[in-house]
Structures are given as C-alpha cells and as structure tokens.
C-alpha cells in the first residue's frame, strides 16, 4: 500500500480572462466590455493590454461591478426619502 505524504494542487483562483471569456461570465457583450475599459481612467474597468490581447482579472471585474450594485428600485427609494 502506498501512502501519499504530500500533494500540491494548483488551481487558478483569480484567473485572467480574455474578453470573450469575460463576456460569457458577465453576460455583457464584448463591445460593452471594450467600452468599459476605454472609459476615463477613474471610471474604467481595469485591464491588461499585451500586444493586441486584452485581459481582465476576474477579481478586478467583480470589484468593478460591485461599485454599480443597486438595492431595491432607485425610483421608489427616492420617493420614499422625499416622504420621510
């Protein structure tokens, strides 16, 4: 009987994704992702350009999208705040 004393498993926990893969992950079109990357630097989706390839780290995309998260219906919330 063989006993394994040590095993190393390599799993990409935070992969770089090309725009096609990111499009499938995010349900946004490649065109929309390019628009987000090309915004002003303060509001742009962080990306890496290597020659003609554009790569986005999954965690960077998730953090970027978290900035645009909304809760509830914004119109209803605004009306309720005016009433209070």
N, C-alpha and C. Protein backbone atom coordinates (compact mmCIF):
# COMPACT_ATOMS: atom_id res chain seq x y z
N UNK A 1 0.84 -1.17 0.00
CA UNK A 1 0.00 0.00 0.00
C UNK A 1 0.88 1.24 0.00
N UNK A 2 0.55 2.21 -0.87
CA UNK A 2 1.32 3.44 -0.98
C UNK A 2 0.59 4.55 -0.24
N UNK A 3 1.33 5.32 0.54
CA UNK A 3 0.76 6.44 1.27
C UNK A 3 1.34 7.72 0.68
N UNK A 4 0.48 8.62 0.31
CA UNK A 4 0.93 9.91 -0.22
C UNK A 4 1.11 10.85 0.96
N UNK A 5 2.32 11.35 1.10
CA UNK A 5 2.60 12.24 2.22
C UNK A 5 2.32 13.69 1.90
N UNK A 6 2.46 14.06 0.64
CA UNK A 6 2.29 15.47 0.29
C UNK A 6 1.74 15.57 -1.12
N UNK A 7 0.78 16.47 -1.30
CA UNK A 7 0.21 16.69 -2.62
C UNK A 7 0.03 18.18 -2.81
N UNK A 8 0.41 18.67 -3.97
CA UNK A 8 0.23 20.07 -4.30
C UNK A 8 -0.76 20.16 -5.44
N UNK A 9 -1.80 20.97 -5.23
CA UNK A 9 -2.82 21.16 -6.25
C UNK A 9 -2.77 22.62 -6.66
N UNK A 10 -2.62 22.85 -7.93
CA UNK A 10 -2.58 24.21 -8.44
C UNK A 10 -3.90 24.52 -9.12
N UNK A 11 -4.59 25.52 -8.60
CA UNK A 11 -5.87 25.93 -9.14
C UNK A 11 -5.84 27.44 -9.33
N UNK A 12 -6.14 27.92 -10.51
CA UNK A 12 -6.15 29.37 -10.70
C UNK A 12 -7.37 29.99 -10.00
N UNK A 13 -7.14 30.57 -8.84
CA UNK A 13 -8.24 31.14 -8.07
C UNK A 13 -8.67 32.50 -8.59
N UNK A 14 -7.76 33.20 -9.21
CA UNK A 14 -8.07 34.53 -9.73
C UNK A 14 -7.52 34.64 -11.15
N UNK A 15 -8.17 34.00 -12.10
CA UNK A 15 -7.60 33.92 -13.45
C UNK A 15 -7.74 35.22 -14.23
N UNK A 16 -6.85 35.36 -15.21
CA UNK A 16 -7.01 36.40 -16.22
C UNK A 16 -7.97 35.85 -17.26
N UNK A 17 -8.89 36.70 -17.71
CA UNK A 17 -9.88 36.27 -18.69
C UNK A 17 -9.78 37.16 -19.92
N UNK A 18 -9.84 36.55 -21.10
CA UNK A 18 -9.92 37.40 -22.29
C UNK A 18 -11.35 37.92 -22.39
N UNK A 19 -11.59 38.83 -23.31
CA UNK A 19 -12.91 39.47 -23.36
C UNK A 19 -14.03 38.50 -23.73
N UNK A 20 -13.72 37.50 -24.52
CA UNK A 20 -14.75 36.51 -24.88
C UNK A 20 -15.16 35.70 -23.64
N UNK A 21 -14.19 35.28 -22.85
CA UNK A 21 -14.50 34.52 -21.63
C UNK A 21 -15.20 35.41 -20.62
N UNK A 22 -14.76 36.66 -20.50
CA UNK A 22 -15.39 37.59 -19.57
C UNK A 22 -16.81 37.90 -20.00
N UNK A 23 -17.04 37.95 -21.30
CA UNK A 23 -18.39 38.17 -21.82
C UNK A 23 -19.32 37.02 -21.42
N UNK A 24 -18.83 35.81 -21.52
CA UNK A 24 -19.63 34.65 -21.12
C UNK A 24 -19.88 34.66 -19.61
N UNK A 25 -18.88 35.05 -18.84
CA UNK A 25 -19.01 35.09 -17.38
C UNK A 25 -19.99 36.18 -16.94
N UNK A 26 -19.92 37.34 -17.59
CA UNK A 26 -20.67 38.51 -17.12
C UNK A 26 -22.01 38.74 -17.81
N UNK A 27 -22.24 38.07 -18.93
CA UNK A 27 -23.43 38.30 -19.75
C UNK A 27 -23.45 39.71 -20.36
N UNK A 28 -22.29 40.32 -20.47
CA UNK A 28 -22.15 41.59 -21.18
C UNK A 28 -21.46 41.29 -22.51
N UNK A 29 -21.77 42.08 -23.52
CA UNK A 29 -21.14 41.85 -24.82
C UNK A 29 -19.67 42.27 -24.78
N UNK A 30 -18.91 41.73 -25.70
CA UNK A 30 -17.50 42.11 -25.82
C UNK A 30 -17.41 43.61 -26.12
N UNK A 31 -18.32 44.10 -26.94
CA UNK A 31 -18.34 45.54 -27.28
C UNK A 31 -18.54 46.39 -26.03
N UNK A 32 -19.48 46.00 -25.16
CA UNK A 32 -19.73 46.76 -23.92
C UNK A 32 -18.51 46.70 -23.01
N UNK A 33 -17.87 45.53 -22.92
CA UNK A 33 -16.67 45.42 -22.10
C UNK A 33 -15.57 46.34 -22.61
N UNK A 34 -15.41 46.43 -23.93
CA UNK A 34 -14.41 47.34 -24.50
C UNK A 34 -14.74 48.78 -24.16
N UNK A 35 -16.03 49.14 -24.18
CA UNK A 35 -16.45 50.50 -23.80
C UNK A 35 -16.10 50.78 -22.35
N UNK A 36 -16.31 49.81 -21.47
CA UNK A 36 -15.99 49.99 -20.06
C UNK A 36 -14.48 50.15 -19.85
N UNK A 37 -13.69 49.43 -20.61
CA UNK A 37 -12.24 49.53 -20.50
C UNK A 37 -11.75 50.88 -21.02
N UNK A 38 -12.40 51.42 -22.04
CA UNK A 38 -11.95 52.66 -22.68
C UNK A 38 -12.50 53.92 -22.01
N UNK A 39 -13.19 53.81 -20.89
CA UNK A 39 -13.68 54.99 -20.17
C UNK A 39 -12.52 55.79 -19.59
N UNK A 40 -12.84 56.94 -18.99
CA UNK A 40 -11.83 57.73 -18.29
C UNK A 40 -11.16 56.85 -17.24
N UNK A 41 -9.87 57.03 -17.01
CA UNK A 41 -9.14 56.16 -16.08
C UNK A 41 -9.78 56.03 -14.70
N UNK A 42 -10.42 57.06 -14.21
CA UNK A 42 -11.03 56.99 -12.88
C UNK A 42 -12.23 56.06 -12.84
N UNK A 43 -12.87 55.83 -13.98
CA UNK A 43 -14.09 55.02 -14.02
C UNK A 43 -13.96 53.81 -14.95
N UNK A 44 -12.75 53.50 -15.39
CA UNK A 44 -12.56 52.42 -16.35
C UNK A 44 -12.43 51.07 -15.67
N UNK A 45 -12.84 50.05 -16.39
CA UNK A 45 -12.64 48.67 -15.96
C UNK A 45 -11.14 48.37 -16.06
N UNK A 46 -10.49 47.96 -14.97
CA UNK A 46 -9.06 47.66 -15.04
C UNK A 46 -8.79 46.49 -15.99
N UNK A 47 -7.82 46.67 -16.86
CA UNK A 47 -7.49 45.64 -17.84
C UNK A 47 -6.00 45.68 -18.13
N UNK A 48 -5.53 44.61 -18.73
CA UNK A 48 -4.13 44.48 -19.13
C UNK A 48 -4.09 44.31 -20.63
N UNK A 49 -3.32 45.15 -21.31
CA UNK A 49 -3.15 45.03 -22.77
C UNK A 49 -1.77 44.46 -23.04
N UNK A 50 -1.73 43.33 -23.70
CA UNK A 50 -0.49 42.69 -24.10
C UNK A 50 -0.58 42.51 -25.60
N UNK A 51 0.19 43.31 -26.31
CA UNK A 51 0.08 43.39 -27.77
C UNK A 51 -1.38 43.71 -28.11
N UNK A 52 -2.06 42.84 -28.79
CA UNK A 52 -3.46 43.11 -29.16
C UNK A 52 -4.45 42.42 -28.22
N UNK A 53 -3.94 41.63 -27.30
CA UNK A 53 -4.82 40.92 -26.37
C UNK A 53 -5.20 41.83 -25.20
N UNK A 54 -6.43 41.71 -24.78
CA UNK A 54 -6.91 42.44 -23.60
C UNK A 54 -7.34 41.39 -22.59
N UNK A 55 -6.76 41.47 -21.39
CA UNK A 55 -7.08 40.53 -20.32
C UNK A 55 -7.59 41.29 -19.11
N UNK A 56 -8.54 40.68 -18.42
CA UNK A 56 -9.10 41.27 -17.21
C UNK A 56 -9.04 40.21 -16.12
N UNK A 57 -8.55 40.59 -14.96
CA UNK A 57 -8.52 39.66 -13.84
C UNK A 57 -9.94 39.54 -13.28
N UNK A 58 -10.38 38.35 -13.02
CA UNK A 58 -11.75 38.09 -12.55
C UNK A 58 -12.08 38.91 -11.31
N UNK A 59 -11.16 38.99 -10.36
CA UNK A 59 -11.42 39.75 -9.12
C UNK A 59 -11.55 41.25 -9.40
N UNK A 60 -10.79 41.77 -10.38
CA UNK A 60 -10.92 43.18 -10.76
C UNK A 60 -12.30 43.45 -11.34
N UNK A 61 -12.79 42.54 -12.17
CA UNK A 61 -14.11 42.71 -12.76
C UNK A 61 -15.18 42.66 -11.66
N UNK A 62 -15.08 41.70 -10.76
CA UNK A 62 -16.07 41.57 -9.68
C UNK A 62 -16.09 42.82 -8.80
N UNK A 63 -14.92 43.37 -8.49
CA UNK A 63 -14.85 44.59 -7.68
C UNK A 63 -15.42 45.78 -8.44
N UNK A 64 -15.15 45.85 -9.73
CA UNK A 64 -15.68 46.94 -10.56
C UNK A 64 -17.20 46.88 -10.58
N UNK A 65 -17.75 45.70 -10.77
CA UNK A 65 -19.21 45.56 -10.81
C UNK A 65 -19.85 45.84 -9.46
N UNK A 66 -19.16 45.56 -8.37
CA UNK A 66 -19.70 45.82 -7.04
C UNK A 66 -19.96 47.32 -6.84
N UNK A 67 -19.20 48.17 -7.54
CA UNK A 67 -19.42 49.61 -7.44
C UNK A 67 -20.74 50.04 -8.05
N UNK A 68 -21.31 49.22 -8.91
CA UNK A 68 -22.55 49.56 -9.60
C UNK A 68 -23.75 48.78 -9.06
N UNK A 69 -23.57 48.13 -7.95
CA UNK A 69 -24.67 47.34 -7.36
C UNK A 69 -25.73 48.28 -6.80
N UNK A 70 -26.97 47.95 -7.06
CA UNK A 70 -28.08 48.73 -6.51
C UNK A 70 -28.93 47.80 -5.66
N UNK A 71 -29.62 48.38 -4.71
CA UNK A 71 -30.55 47.63 -3.86
C UNK A 71 -31.92 48.25 -4.01
N UNK A 72 -32.89 47.44 -4.28
CA UNK A 72 -34.25 47.94 -4.43
C UNK A 72 -34.43 48.67 -5.75
N UNK A 73 -35.51 49.37 -5.85
CA UNK A 73 -35.80 50.14 -7.05
C UNK A 73 -35.43 51.59 -6.78
N UNK A 74 -34.45 52.15 -7.46
CA UNK A 74 -33.97 53.50 -7.16
C UNK A 74 -35.06 54.56 -7.19
N UNK A 75 -36.01 54.47 -8.13
CA UNK A 75 -37.08 55.45 -8.20
C UNK A 75 -37.97 55.41 -6.96
N UNK A 76 -38.30 54.23 -6.49
CA UNK A 76 -39.14 54.07 -5.30
C UNK A 76 -38.40 54.56 -4.07
N UNK A 77 -37.12 54.26 -3.97
CA UNK A 77 -36.32 54.70 -2.82
C UNK A 77 -36.26 56.21 -2.76
N UNK A 78 -36.10 56.87 -3.91
CA UNK A 78 -36.04 58.33 -3.94
C UNK A 78 -37.36 58.94 -3.48
N UNK A 79 -38.49 58.40 -3.91
CA UNK A 79 -39.80 58.89 -3.48
C UNK A 79 -39.99 58.70 -1.98
N UNK A 80 -39.63 57.54 -1.47
CA UNK A 80 -39.78 57.29 -0.04
C UNK A 80 -38.91 58.22 0.79
N UNK A 81 -37.73 58.57 0.30
CA UNK A 81 -36.87 59.51 1.03
C UNK A 81 -37.49 60.90 1.08
N UNK A 82 -38.17 61.30 0.01
CA UNK A 82 -38.82 62.62 -0.02
C UNK A 82 -39.98 62.65 0.96
N UNK A 83 -40.66 61.53 1.15
CA UNK A 83 -41.80 61.49 2.05
C UNK A 83 -41.38 61.51 3.52
N UNK A 84 -40.17 61.02 3.80
CA UNK A 84 -39.72 60.91 5.19
C UNK A 84 -39.25 62.21 5.76
